[in-house]
């Protein structure tokens, strides 16, 4: 849990903000402001903190800033403070999940059109770091199965129908190898001569 935001520097609307250090955050804190005041930037910071991914913050680096983004948070498990500096967090807070427009766009159908990606994600709403990790493992297994099936199709296509005769690929591959095949071929060649 985050107790205080001590410093936001060179990120989005935040040039150098430390006045928020006096505002205590609780388990449920409502952030309200006019458009363009930094709510989405704050959501990006929290998303980055929860995932450990620096990209949401790096994408919001303040234009013409001489220094890179810098965040200091007073959080559970500290002191020391949780710090984002040099494109990395000193630690992650895995129990943070941000439910914003990016979450909705990635997980729920939004807008007038229902695209393939939305249909694919309609049955899949995963919450929490453990659920995300399990889903990642599942997707890796599905990817390996798809790769294996593709390889099987390629190998099946490598056996020409003229070689298989009346057999389909599975039946052809299930045939037992004859140990006396060389002798049988020689016998057949003698009979043909």
N, C-alpha and C. Protein backbone atom coordinates (compact mmCIF):
# COMPACT_ATOMS: atom_id res chain seq x y z
N UNK A 1 0.84 -1.18 0.00
CA UNK A 1 0.00 0.00 0.00
C UNK A 1 0.89 1.25 0.00
N UNK A 2 0.45 2.24 -0.70
CA UNK A 2 1.18 3.51 -0.76
C UNK A 2 0.60 4.44 0.31
N UNK A 3 1.48 5.01 1.14
CA UNK A 3 1.04 5.92 2.20
C UNK A 3 1.08 7.38 1.75
N UNK A 4 2.15 7.76 1.05
CA UNK A 4 2.31 9.15 0.58
C UNK A 4 3.06 9.16 -0.75
N UNK A 5 2.76 10.12 -1.58
CA UNK A 5 3.55 10.39 -2.78
C UNK A 5 4.51 11.50 -2.38
N UNK A 6 5.78 11.19 -2.26
CA UNK A 6 6.75 12.18 -1.78
C UNK A 6 7.30 13.05 -2.90
N UNK A 7 7.47 12.47 -4.11
CA UNK A 7 8.04 13.26 -5.20
C UNK A 7 7.61 12.70 -6.55
N UNK A 8 7.18 13.59 -7.44
CA UNK A 8 6.91 13.27 -8.84
C UNK A 8 7.69 14.30 -9.66
N UNK A 9 8.66 13.83 -10.44
CA UNK A 9 9.49 14.78 -11.17
C UNK A 9 9.66 14.33 -12.63
N UNK A 10 9.42 15.29 -13.55
CA UNK A 10 9.64 15.10 -14.99
C UNK A 10 8.78 13.99 -15.60
N UNK A 11 7.53 13.92 -15.16
CA UNK A 11 6.58 12.95 -15.69
C UNK A 11 5.29 13.68 -16.03
N UNK A 12 4.88 13.62 -17.28
CA UNK A 12 3.63 14.23 -17.70
C UNK A 12 3.48 15.66 -17.23
N UNK A 13 2.40 15.95 -16.51
CA UNK A 13 2.13 17.30 -16.00
C UNK A 13 3.02 17.67 -14.80
N UNK A 14 3.71 16.68 -14.26
CA UNK A 14 4.45 16.91 -13.01
C UNK A 14 5.91 17.27 -13.28
N UNK A 15 6.21 18.57 -13.13
CA UNK A 15 7.58 19.04 -13.32
C UNK A 15 8.42 18.64 -12.10
N UNK A 16 8.00 19.09 -10.95
CA UNK A 16 8.64 18.70 -9.69
C UNK A 16 7.63 18.95 -8.58
N UNK A 17 6.94 17.90 -8.18
CA UNK A 17 5.86 18.02 -7.21
C UNK A 17 6.21 17.24 -5.96
N UNK A 18 6.26 17.94 -4.83
CA UNK A 18 6.47 17.26 -3.56
C UNK A 18 5.44 17.68 -2.52
N UNK A 19 4.52 18.55 -2.90
CA UNK A 19 3.47 19.02 -1.98
C UNK A 19 2.53 17.90 -1.58
N UNK A 20 2.41 16.85 -2.41
CA UNK A 20 1.49 15.75 -2.11
C UNK A 20 1.97 14.91 -0.94
N UNK A 21 3.21 15.11 -0.49
CA UNK A 21 3.73 14.33 0.63
C UNK A 21 2.91 14.54 1.89
N UNK A 22 2.18 15.64 1.97
CA UNK A 22 1.34 15.93 3.14
C UNK A 22 -0.02 15.25 3.06
N UNK A 23 -0.34 14.68 1.90
CA UNK A 23 -1.65 14.05 1.72
C UNK A 23 -1.52 12.55 1.95
N UNK A 24 -2.19 12.05 2.98
CA UNK A 24 -2.13 10.62 3.29
C UNK A 24 -3.05 9.85 2.35
N UNK A 25 -2.54 8.77 1.80
CA UNK A 25 -3.34 7.89 0.96
C UNK A 25 -3.82 6.71 1.79
N UNK A 26 -5.03 6.26 1.52
CA UNK A 26 -5.60 5.13 2.24
C UNK A 26 -5.83 3.99 1.26
N UNK A 27 -6.40 2.91 1.77
CA UNK A 27 -6.66 1.74 0.92
C UNK A 27 -7.52 2.13 -0.28
N UNK A 28 -8.43 3.06 -0.09
CA UNK A 28 -9.26 3.57 -1.18
C UNK A 28 -9.14 5.09 -1.18
N UNK A 29 -8.50 5.60 -2.22
CA UNK A 29 -8.32 7.05 -2.34
C UNK A 29 -8.89 7.49 -3.67
N UNK A 30 -9.77 8.47 -3.65
CA UNK A 30 -10.37 9.00 -4.86
C UNK A 30 -9.54 10.18 -5.35
N UNK A 31 -9.19 10.13 -6.64
CA UNK A 31 -8.44 11.23 -7.25
C UNK A 31 -9.36 11.88 -8.26
N UNK A 32 -9.62 13.16 -8.08
CA UNK A 32 -10.52 13.89 -8.96
C UNK A 32 -9.84 15.18 -9.39
N UNK A 33 -9.91 15.48 -10.70
CA UNK A 33 -9.33 16.73 -11.21
C UNK A 33 -9.87 16.98 -12.61
N UNK A 34 -9.67 18.21 -13.08
CA UNK A 34 -10.06 18.55 -14.45
C UNK A 34 -9.21 17.75 -15.43
N UNK A 35 -9.67 17.73 -16.68
CA UNK A 35 -8.90 17.06 -17.73
C UNK A 35 -7.52 17.70 -17.87
N UNK A 36 -6.54 16.87 -18.15
CA UNK A 36 -5.19 17.38 -18.38
C UNK A 36 -4.42 17.76 -17.13
N UNK A 37 -4.84 17.26 -15.98
CA UNK A 37 -4.17 17.62 -14.73
C UNK A 37 -3.28 16.51 -14.17
N UNK A 38 -3.21 15.35 -14.86
CA UNK A 38 -2.27 14.31 -14.44
C UNK A 38 -2.86 13.04 -13.89
N UNK A 39 -4.17 12.85 -14.00
CA UNK A 39 -4.78 11.62 -13.47
C UNK A 39 -4.27 10.39 -14.23
N UNK A 40 -4.21 10.48 -15.55
CA UNK A 40 -3.74 9.36 -16.36
C UNK A 40 -2.26 9.10 -16.11
N UNK A 41 -1.50 10.15 -15.90
CA UNK A 41 -0.08 9.99 -15.57
C UNK A 41 0.07 9.27 -14.24
N UNK A 42 -0.75 9.65 -13.26
CA UNK A 42 -0.73 8.98 -11.96
C UNK A 42 -1.09 7.50 -12.12
N UNK A 43 -2.09 7.21 -12.95
CA UNK A 43 -2.47 5.81 -13.21
C UNK A 43 -1.31 5.06 -13.86
N UNK A 44 -0.59 5.71 -14.78
CA UNK A 44 0.56 5.07 -15.44
C UNK A 44 1.66 4.77 -14.42
N UNK A 45 1.89 5.68 -13.50
CA UNK A 45 2.90 5.47 -12.45
C UNK A 45 2.51 4.26 -11.60
N UNK A 46 1.24 4.20 -11.19
CA UNK A 46 0.78 3.09 -10.36
C UNK A 46 0.83 1.77 -11.12
N UNK A 47 0.46 1.79 -12.41
CA UNK A 47 0.54 0.58 -13.24
C UNK A 47 1.99 0.10 -13.31
N UNK A 48 2.91 1.02 -13.54
CA UNK A 48 4.33 0.68 -13.60
C UNK A 48 4.81 0.09 -12.27
N UNK A 49 4.38 0.68 -11.18
CA UNK A 49 4.76 0.19 -9.85
C UNK A 49 4.24 -1.22 -9.61
N UNK A 50 3.01 -1.49 -10.07
CA UNK A 50 2.41 -2.81 -9.87
C UNK A 50 3.02 -3.89 -10.75
N UNK A 51 3.44 -3.52 -11.95
CA UNK A 51 3.98 -4.51 -12.90
C UNK A 51 5.50 -4.54 -12.93
N UNK A 52 6.12 -3.45 -12.49
CA UNK A 52 7.57 -3.34 -12.59
C UNK A 52 8.04 -2.92 -13.98
N UNK A 53 7.10 -2.66 -14.87
CA UNK A 53 7.41 -2.26 -16.25
C UNK A 53 7.67 -0.76 -16.29
N UNK A 54 8.84 -0.32 -16.74
CA UNK A 54 9.14 1.11 -16.76
C UNK A 54 8.48 1.86 -17.93
N UNK A 55 7.95 1.15 -18.91
CA UNK A 55 7.43 1.78 -20.13
C UNK A 55 6.32 2.80 -19.84
N UNK A 56 5.32 2.50 -18.99
CA UNK A 56 4.27 3.51 -18.76
C UNK A 56 4.82 4.85 -18.27
N UNK A 57 5.90 4.83 -17.52
CA UNK A 57 6.50 6.08 -17.05
C UNK A 57 7.38 6.69 -18.15
N UNK A 58 8.17 5.86 -18.80
CA UNK A 58 9.07 6.35 -19.86
C UNK A 58 8.28 7.02 -20.98
N UNK A 59 7.08 6.50 -21.28
CA UNK A 59 6.25 7.09 -22.33
C UNK A 59 5.74 8.48 -21.94
N UNK A 60 5.74 8.78 -20.66
CA UNK A 60 5.21 10.05 -20.18
C UNK A 60 6.30 11.01 -19.70
N UNK A 61 7.52 10.72 -20.11
CA UNK A 61 8.62 11.63 -19.75
C UNK A 61 8.28 13.04 -20.22
N UNK A 62 8.50 13.98 -19.36
CA UNK A 62 8.19 15.38 -19.65
C UNK A 62 9.05 15.87 -20.81
N UNK A 63 8.40 16.51 -21.78
CA UNK A 63 9.11 17.04 -22.94
C UNK A 63 10.10 18.11 -22.50
N UNK A 64 11.26 18.11 -23.09
CA UNK A 64 12.33 19.08 -22.83
C UNK A 64 12.85 19.01 -21.39
N UNK A 65 12.58 17.91 -20.70
CA UNK A 65 13.11 17.77 -19.33
C UNK A 65 14.59 17.42 -19.41
N UNK A 66 15.38 18.07 -18.60
CA UNK A 66 16.83 17.82 -18.59
C UNK A 66 17.17 16.49 -17.93
N UNK A 67 16.30 16.03 -17.03
CA UNK A 67 16.58 14.81 -16.28
C UNK A 67 15.48 13.79 -16.51
N UNK A 68 15.78 12.51 -16.33
CA UNK A 68 14.76 11.47 -16.52
C UNK A 68 13.72 11.49 -15.40
N UNK A 69 12.59 10.78 -15.60
CA UNK A 69 11.55 10.72 -14.56
C UNK A 69 12.10 10.18 -13.24
N UNK A 70 11.53 10.71 -12.16
CA UNK A 70 11.95 10.32 -10.82
C UNK A 70 10.71 10.33 -9.93
N UNK A 71 10.46 9.21 -9.25
CA UNK A 71 9.30 9.08 -8.37
C UNK A 71 9.78 8.55 -7.02
N UNK A 72 9.26 9.13 -5.95
CA UNK A 72 9.56 8.64 -4.60
C UNK A 72 8.22 8.46 -3.89
N UNK A 73 7.99 7.23 -3.40
CA UNK A 73 6.73 6.91 -2.72
C UNK A 73 7.03 6.32 -1.35
N UNK A 74 6.26 6.74 -0.36
CA UNK A 74 6.31 6.12 0.97
C UNK A 74 5.30 4.99 0.92
N UNK A 75 5.78 3.75 1.04
CA UNK A 75 4.87 2.61 0.88
C UNK A 75 5.12 1.56 1.95
N UNK A 76 4.18 0.61 2.02
CA UNK A 76 4.32 -0.50 2.95
C UNK A 76 5.61 -1.25 2.62
N UNK A 77 6.27 -1.74 3.64
CA UNK A 77 7.53 -2.43 3.42
C UNK A 77 8.72 -1.49 3.53
N UNK A 78 8.47 -0.21 3.74
CA UNK A 78 9.55 0.77 3.86
C UNK A 78 9.66 1.23 5.28
N UNK A 79 10.58 2.06 5.67
CA UNK A 79 11.60 2.64 4.82
C UNK A 79 12.61 1.58 4.38
N UNK A 80 13.38 1.84 3.38
CA UNK A 80 13.45 3.06 2.60
C UNK A 80 12.25 3.20 1.68
N UNK A 81 12.13 4.37 1.09
CA UNK A 81 11.02 4.65 0.18
C UNK A 81 11.13 3.81 -1.09
N UNK A 82 10.00 3.65 -1.77
CA UNK A 82 9.99 3.00 -3.08
C UNK A 82 10.33 4.07 -4.10
N UNK A 83 11.37 3.83 -4.89
CA UNK A 83 11.88 4.87 -5.79
C UNK A 83 11.93 4.36 -7.23
N UNK A 84 11.49 5.22 -8.15
CA UNK A 84 11.68 4.98 -9.58
C UNK A 84 12.74 5.96 -10.04
N UNK A 85 13.86 5.42 -10.49
CA UNK A 85 14.95 6.26 -10.97
C UNK A 85 15.79 5.42 -11.92
N UNK A 86 16.35 6.05 -12.95
CA UNK A 86 17.15 5.34 -13.96
C UNK A 86 16.34 4.22 -14.61
N UNK A 87 15.08 4.49 -14.86
CA UNK A 87 14.18 3.58 -15.57
C UNK A 87 13.91 2.27 -14.83
N UNK A 88 13.97 2.28 -13.50
CA UNK A 88 13.69 1.06 -12.74
C UNK A 88 13.19 1.43 -11.34
N UNK A 89 12.37 0.52 -10.79
CA UNK A 89 11.87 0.68 -9.42
C UNK A 89 12.82 -0.03 -8.47
N UNK A 90 12.92 0.47 -7.26
CA UNK A 90 13.71 -0.22 -6.25
C UNK A 90 12.99 -1.48 -5.77
N UNK A 91 11.67 -1.47 -5.87
CA UNK A 91 10.87 -2.68 -5.59
C UNK A 91 9.49 -2.51 -6.22
N UNK A 92 8.81 -3.64 -6.42
CA UNK A 92 7.46 -3.62 -6.97
C UNK A 92 6.45 -3.79 -5.85
N UNK A 93 5.25 -3.28 -6.11
CA UNK A 93 4.13 -3.55 -5.21
C UNK A 93 3.11 -4.35 -6.03
N UNK A 94 3.21 -5.68 -5.92
CA UNK A 94 2.42 -6.58 -6.77
C UNK A 94 0.92 -6.47 -6.57
N UNK A 95 0.49 -5.97 -5.43
CA UNK A 95 -0.95 -5.94 -5.15
C UNK A 95 -1.64 -4.70 -5.70
N UNK A 96 -0.98 -3.95 -6.57
CA UNK A 96 -1.60 -2.77 -7.18
C UNK A 96 -2.14 -3.13 -8.55
N UNK A 97 -3.42 -2.87 -8.75
CA UNK A 97 -4.05 -3.05 -10.05
C UNK A 97 -4.78 -1.76 -10.38
N UNK A 98 -4.58 -1.25 -11.57
CA UNK A 98 -5.19 0.02 -11.97
C UNK A 98 -6.34 -0.28 -12.92
N UNK A 99 -7.54 0.11 -12.53
CA UNK A 99 -8.73 -0.06 -13.36
C UNK A 99 -9.04 1.28 -14.02
N UNK A 100 -8.46 1.50 -15.20
CA UNK A 100 -8.66 2.75 -15.92
C UNK A 100 -9.02 2.44 -17.37
N UNK A 101 -8.99 3.46 -18.22
CA UNK A 101 -9.37 3.23 -19.61
C UNK A 101 -8.44 2.25 -20.31
N UNK A 102 -7.18 2.20 -19.94
CA UNK A 102 -6.26 1.23 -20.55
C UNK A 102 -6.66 -0.19 -20.17
N UNK A 103 -7.03 -0.39 -18.89
CA UNK A 103 -7.49 -1.70 -18.44
C UNK A 103 -8.74 -2.11 -19.22
N UNK A 104 -9.68 -1.19 -19.36
CA UNK A 104 -10.92 -1.48 -20.08
C UNK A 104 -10.62 -1.80 -21.54
N UNK A 105 -9.75 -1.02 -22.16
CA UNK A 105 -9.41 -1.23 -23.56
C UNK A 105 -8.77 -2.59 -23.78
N UNK A 106 -7.95 -3.05 -22.85
CA UNK A 106 -7.25 -4.32 -22.99
C UNK A 106 -8.12 -5.51 -22.61
N UNK A 107 -9.15 -5.29 -21.80
CA UNK A 107 -9.88 -6.43 -21.24
C UNK A 107 -11.37 -6.46 -21.53
N UNK A 108 -11.92 -5.36 -21.97
CA UNK A 108 -13.36 -5.27 -22.18
C UNK A 108 -13.63 -4.62 -23.53
N UNK A 109 -14.73 -5.00 -24.14
CA UNK A 109 -15.12 -4.37 -25.41
C UNK A 109 -15.46 -2.92 -25.15
N UNK A 110 -14.84 -2.04 -25.92
CA UNK A 110 -15.16 -0.62 -25.78
C UNK A 110 -15.33 -0.03 -27.17
N UNK A 111 -16.11 1.00 -27.26
CA UNK A 111 -16.31 1.64 -28.56
C UNK A 111 -17.46 1.01 -29.32
N UNK A 112 -17.62 1.46 -30.55
CA UNK A 112 -18.74 1.00 -31.37
C UNK A 112 -18.47 -0.33 -32.05
N UNK A 113 -17.22 -0.62 -32.34
CA UNK A 113 -16.88 -1.84 -33.08
C UNK A 113 -16.35 -2.90 -32.12
N UNK A 114 -16.74 -4.14 -32.39
CA UNK A 114 -16.24 -5.27 -31.63
C UNK A 114 -15.20 -5.96 -32.51
N UNK A 115 -13.94 -5.77 -32.18
CA UNK A 115 -12.86 -6.35 -32.96
C UNK A 115 -12.51 -7.74 -32.49
N UNK A 116 -11.66 -8.42 -33.26
CA UNK A 116 -11.23 -9.77 -32.92
C UNK A 116 -10.58 -9.80 -31.54
N UNK A 117 -9.75 -8.82 -31.26
CA UNK A 117 -9.06 -8.77 -29.97
C UNK A 117 -10.07 -8.65 -28.83
N UNK A 118 -11.12 -7.85 -29.02
CA UNK A 118 -12.15 -7.72 -27.98
C UNK A 118 -12.88 -9.04 -27.78
N UNK A 119 -13.27 -9.70 -28.90
CA UNK A 119 -13.99 -10.97 -28.77
C UNK A 119 -13.12 -11.99 -28.05
N UNK A 120 -11.84 -11.99 -28.35
CA UNK A 120 -10.92 -12.93 -27.73
C UNK A 120 -10.82 -12.66 -26.23
N UNK A 121 -10.85 -11.41 -25.82
CA UNK A 121 -10.68 -11.06 -24.42
C UNK A 121 -11.98 -11.04 -23.62
N UNK A 122 -13.13 -11.15 -24.28
CA UNK A 122 -14.40 -11.09 -23.55
C UNK A 122 -14.52 -12.22 -22.53
N UNK A 123 -13.96 -13.39 -22.83
CA UNK A 123 -14.07 -14.52 -21.92
C UNK A 123 -12.90 -14.57 -20.95
N UNK A 124 -12.04 -13.59 -20.99
CA UNK A 124 -10.80 -13.66 -20.24
C UNK A 124 -10.58 -12.39 -19.43
N UNK A 125 -10.95 -12.42 -18.16
CA UNK A 125 -10.69 -11.30 -17.27
C UNK A 125 -9.87 -11.86 -16.12
N UNK A 126 -8.63 -11.46 -16.04
CA UNK A 126 -7.71 -12.04 -15.07
C UNK A 126 -7.26 -10.95 -14.12
N UNK A 127 -7.37 -11.22 -12.85
CA UNK A 127 -6.99 -10.24 -11.83
C UNK A 127 -5.86 -10.78 -10.98
N UNK A 128 -5.01 -9.91 -10.54
CA UNK A 128 -3.95 -10.26 -9.61
C UNK A 128 -2.71 -10.79 -10.29
N UNK A 129 -1.59 -10.62 -9.61
CA UNK A 129 -0.30 -11.02 -10.17
C UNK A 129 -0.24 -12.53 -10.39
N UNK A 130 -0.81 -13.31 -9.47
CA UNK A 130 -0.77 -14.77 -9.62
C UNK A 130 -1.62 -15.20 -10.81
N UNK A 131 -2.79 -14.60 -10.98
CA UNK A 131 -3.63 -14.92 -12.13
C UNK A 131 -2.96 -14.57 -13.44
N UNK A 132 -2.31 -13.41 -13.47
CA UNK A 132 -1.61 -13.00 -14.69
C UNK A 132 -0.46 -13.95 -14.98
N UNK A 133 0.29 -14.35 -13.95
CA UNK A 133 1.41 -15.28 -14.14
C UNK A 133 0.90 -16.63 -14.65
N UNK A 134 -0.19 -17.12 -14.08
CA UNK A 134 -0.76 -18.39 -14.54
C UNK A 134 -1.25 -18.29 -15.97
N UNK A 135 -1.87 -17.17 -16.32
CA UNK A 135 -2.33 -16.97 -17.69
C UNK A 135 -1.14 -16.93 -18.65
N UNK A 136 -0.06 -16.29 -18.24
CA UNK A 136 1.14 -16.24 -19.09
C UNK A 136 1.67 -17.66 -19.34
N UNK A 137 1.70 -18.49 -18.28
CA UNK A 137 2.15 -19.88 -18.43
C UNK A 137 1.23 -20.64 -19.37
N UNK A 138 -0.08 -20.42 -19.23
CA UNK A 138 -1.05 -21.08 -20.10
C UNK A 138 -0.82 -20.67 -21.55
N UNK A 139 -0.63 -19.37 -21.79
CA UNK A 139 -0.41 -18.90 -23.16
C UNK A 139 0.87 -19.48 -23.75
N UNK A 140 1.91 -19.65 -22.92
CA UNK A 140 3.15 -20.28 -23.40
C UNK A 140 2.90 -21.72 -23.80
N UNK A 141 2.12 -22.46 -22.99
CA UNK A 141 1.79 -23.85 -23.31
C UNK A 141 0.97 -23.92 -24.59
N UNK A 142 -0.01 -23.05 -24.73
CA UNK A 142 -0.83 -23.01 -25.94
C UNK A 142 0.04 -22.73 -27.15
N UNK A 143 0.99 -21.81 -27.01
CA UNK A 143 1.91 -21.49 -28.10
C UNK A 143 2.76 -22.68 -28.49
N UNK A 144 3.24 -23.44 -27.49
CA UNK A 144 4.05 -24.64 -27.80
C UNK A 144 3.20 -25.69 -28.50
N UNK A 145 1.95 -25.86 -28.07
CA UNK A 145 1.06 -26.83 -28.71
C UNK A 145 0.80 -26.42 -30.15
N UNK A 146 0.54 -25.13 -30.38
CA UNK A 146 0.31 -24.66 -31.75
C UNK A 146 1.54 -24.88 -32.61
N UNK A 147 2.73 -24.64 -32.06
CA UNK A 147 3.98 -24.88 -32.80
C UNK A 147 4.16 -26.35 -33.12
N UNK A 148 3.83 -27.21 -32.15
CA UNK A 148 3.94 -28.66 -32.36
C UNK A 148 2.97 -29.11 -33.45
N UNK A 149 1.73 -28.61 -33.40
CA UNK A 149 0.74 -28.99 -34.42
C UNK A 149 1.16 -28.51 -35.80
N UNK A 150 1.75 -27.32 -35.87
CA UNK A 150 2.23 -26.80 -37.16
C UNK A 150 3.35 -27.69 -37.70
N UNK A 151 4.23 -28.13 -36.80
CA UNK A 151 5.33 -29.02 -37.20
C UNK A 151 4.78 -30.37 -37.68
N UNK A 152 3.76 -30.89 -36.99
CA UNK A 152 3.14 -32.14 -37.43
C UNK A 152 2.53 -32.00 -38.82
N UNK A 153 1.85 -30.89 -39.08
CA UNK A 153 1.26 -30.67 -40.41
C UNK A 153 2.33 -30.61 -41.48
N UNK A 154 3.45 -29.94 -41.17
CA UNK A 154 4.55 -29.84 -42.14
C UNK A 154 5.13 -31.22 -42.43
N UNK A 155 5.29 -32.04 -41.39
CA UNK A 155 5.84 -33.39 -41.58
C UNK A 155 4.85 -34.27 -42.34
N UNK A 156 3.55 -34.10 -42.06
CA UNK A 156 2.53 -34.88 -42.78
C UNK A 156 2.53 -34.50 -44.26
N UNK A 157 2.71 -33.22 -44.55
CA UNK A 157 2.73 -32.77 -45.94
C UNK A 157 3.97 -33.26 -46.67
N UNK A 158 5.02 -33.62 -45.91
CA UNK A 158 6.26 -34.10 -46.52
C UNK A 158 6.15 -35.54 -47.03
N UNK A 159 5.10 -36.25 -46.61
CA UNK A 159 4.89 -37.63 -47.09
C UNK A 159 3.89 -37.56 -48.24
N UNK A 160 4.36 -37.69 -49.49
CA UNK A 160 3.46 -37.56 -50.64
C UNK A 160 2.38 -38.64 -50.65
N UNK A 161 1.22 -38.29 -51.17
CA UNK A 161 0.10 -39.23 -51.25
C UNK A 161 0.48 -40.45 -52.08
N UNK A 162 1.32 -40.27 -53.09
CA UNK A 162 1.73 -41.40 -53.94
C UNK A 162 2.52 -42.43 -53.14
N UNK A 163 3.23 -41.99 -52.12
CA UNK A 163 4.01 -42.91 -51.27
C UNK A 163 3.11 -43.62 -50.25
N UNK A 164 2.05 -42.94 -49.84
CA UNK A 164 1.17 -43.50 -48.81
C UNK A 164 0.18 -44.49 -49.38
N UNK A 165 -0.10 -44.38 -50.66
CA UNK A 165 -1.09 -45.26 -51.28
C UNK A 165 -2.47 -44.98 -50.73
N UNK A 166 -3.12 -46.02 -50.25
CA UNK A 166 -4.50 -45.91 -49.76
C UNK A 166 -4.59 -45.40 -48.32
N UNK A 167 -3.45 -45.20 -47.66
CA UNK A 167 -3.44 -44.82 -46.25
C UNK A 167 -3.43 -43.30 -46.07
N UNK A 168 -4.12 -42.86 -44.99
CA UNK A 168 -3.93 -41.46 -44.60
C UNK A 168 -2.63 -41.37 -43.81
N UNK A 169 -2.21 -40.17 -43.45
CA UNK A 169 -0.90 -39.99 -42.81
C UNK A 169 -0.81 -40.76 -41.49
N UNK A 170 -1.85 -40.69 -40.66
CA UNK A 170 -1.81 -41.38 -39.37
C UNK A 170 -1.69 -42.89 -39.54
N UNK A 171 -2.50 -43.45 -40.46
CA UNK A 171 -2.44 -44.90 -40.70
C UNK A 171 -1.09 -45.30 -41.28
N UNK A 172 -0.55 -44.46 -42.18
CA UNK A 172 0.74 -44.75 -42.79
C UNK A 172 1.84 -44.76 -41.72
N UNK A 173 1.81 -43.78 -40.83
CA UNK A 173 2.82 -43.71 -39.77
C UNK A 173 2.65 -44.83 -38.74
N UNK A 174 1.42 -45.37 -38.62
CA UNK A 174 1.16 -46.45 -37.67
C UNK A 174 1.58 -47.82 -38.19
N UNK A 175 1.89 -47.92 -39.49
CA UNK A 175 2.33 -49.20 -40.04
C UNK A 175 3.60 -49.67 -39.34
N UNK A 176 3.66 -50.98 -39.07
CA UNK A 176 4.86 -51.51 -38.43
C UNK A 176 5.93 -51.73 -39.49
N UNK A 177 7.15 -51.40 -39.13
CA UNK A 177 8.27 -51.60 -40.06
C UNK A 177 8.57 -53.09 -40.17
N UNK A 178 8.81 -53.54 -41.41
CA UNK A 178 9.17 -54.95 -41.64
C UNK A 178 10.67 -55.10 -41.55
N UNK A 179 11.11 -56.03 -40.73
CA UNK A 179 12.54 -56.25 -40.59
C UNK A 179 13.14 -56.89 -41.83
N UNK A 180 12.32 -57.63 -42.58
CA UNK A 180 12.82 -58.32 -43.78
C UNK A 180 12.53 -57.53 -45.05
N UNK A 181 12.41 -56.21 -44.94
CA UNK A 181 12.00 -55.40 -46.09
C UNK A 181 12.98 -55.50 -47.25
N UNK A 182 14.30 -55.53 -46.97
CA UNK A 182 15.27 -55.62 -48.05
C UNK A 182 15.11 -56.93 -48.83
N UNK A 183 14.92 -58.02 -48.12
CA UNK A 183 14.73 -59.32 -48.78
C UNK A 183 13.42 -59.33 -49.56
N UNK A 184 12.38 -58.71 -49.02
CA UNK A 184 11.08 -58.67 -49.72
C UNK A 184 11.19 -57.86 -51.00
N UNK A 185 11.96 -56.76 -50.98
CA UNK A 185 12.13 -55.94 -52.18
C UNK A 185 12.91 -56.73 -53.24
N UNK A 186 13.97 -57.43 -52.81
CA UNK A 186 14.74 -58.23 -53.77
C UNK A 186 13.89 -59.34 -54.38
N UNK A 187 13.05 -59.97 -53.57
CA UNK A 187 12.15 -61.02 -54.06
C UNK A 187 11.17 -60.46 -55.07
N UNK A 188 10.61 -59.26 -54.78
CA UNK A 188 9.66 -58.63 -55.70
C UNK A 188 10.36 -58.26 -57.00
N UNK A 189 11.60 -57.77 -56.93
CA UNK A 189 12.35 -57.43 -58.14
C UNK A 189 12.64 -58.66 -58.98
N UNK A 190 12.96 -59.82 -58.34
CA UNK A 190 13.20 -61.07 -59.09
C UNK A 190 11.94 -61.54 -59.78
N UNK A 191 10.80 -61.40 -59.09
CA UNK A 191 9.53 -61.83 -59.68
C UNK A 191 9.16 -60.97 -60.88
N UNK A 192 9.53 -59.68 -60.85
CA UNK A 192 9.21 -58.79 -61.97
C UNK A 192 10.15 -59.01 -63.15
N UNK A 193 11.33 -59.54 -62.94
CA UNK A 193 12.31 -59.69 -64.02
C UNK A 193 12.06 -60.88 -64.90
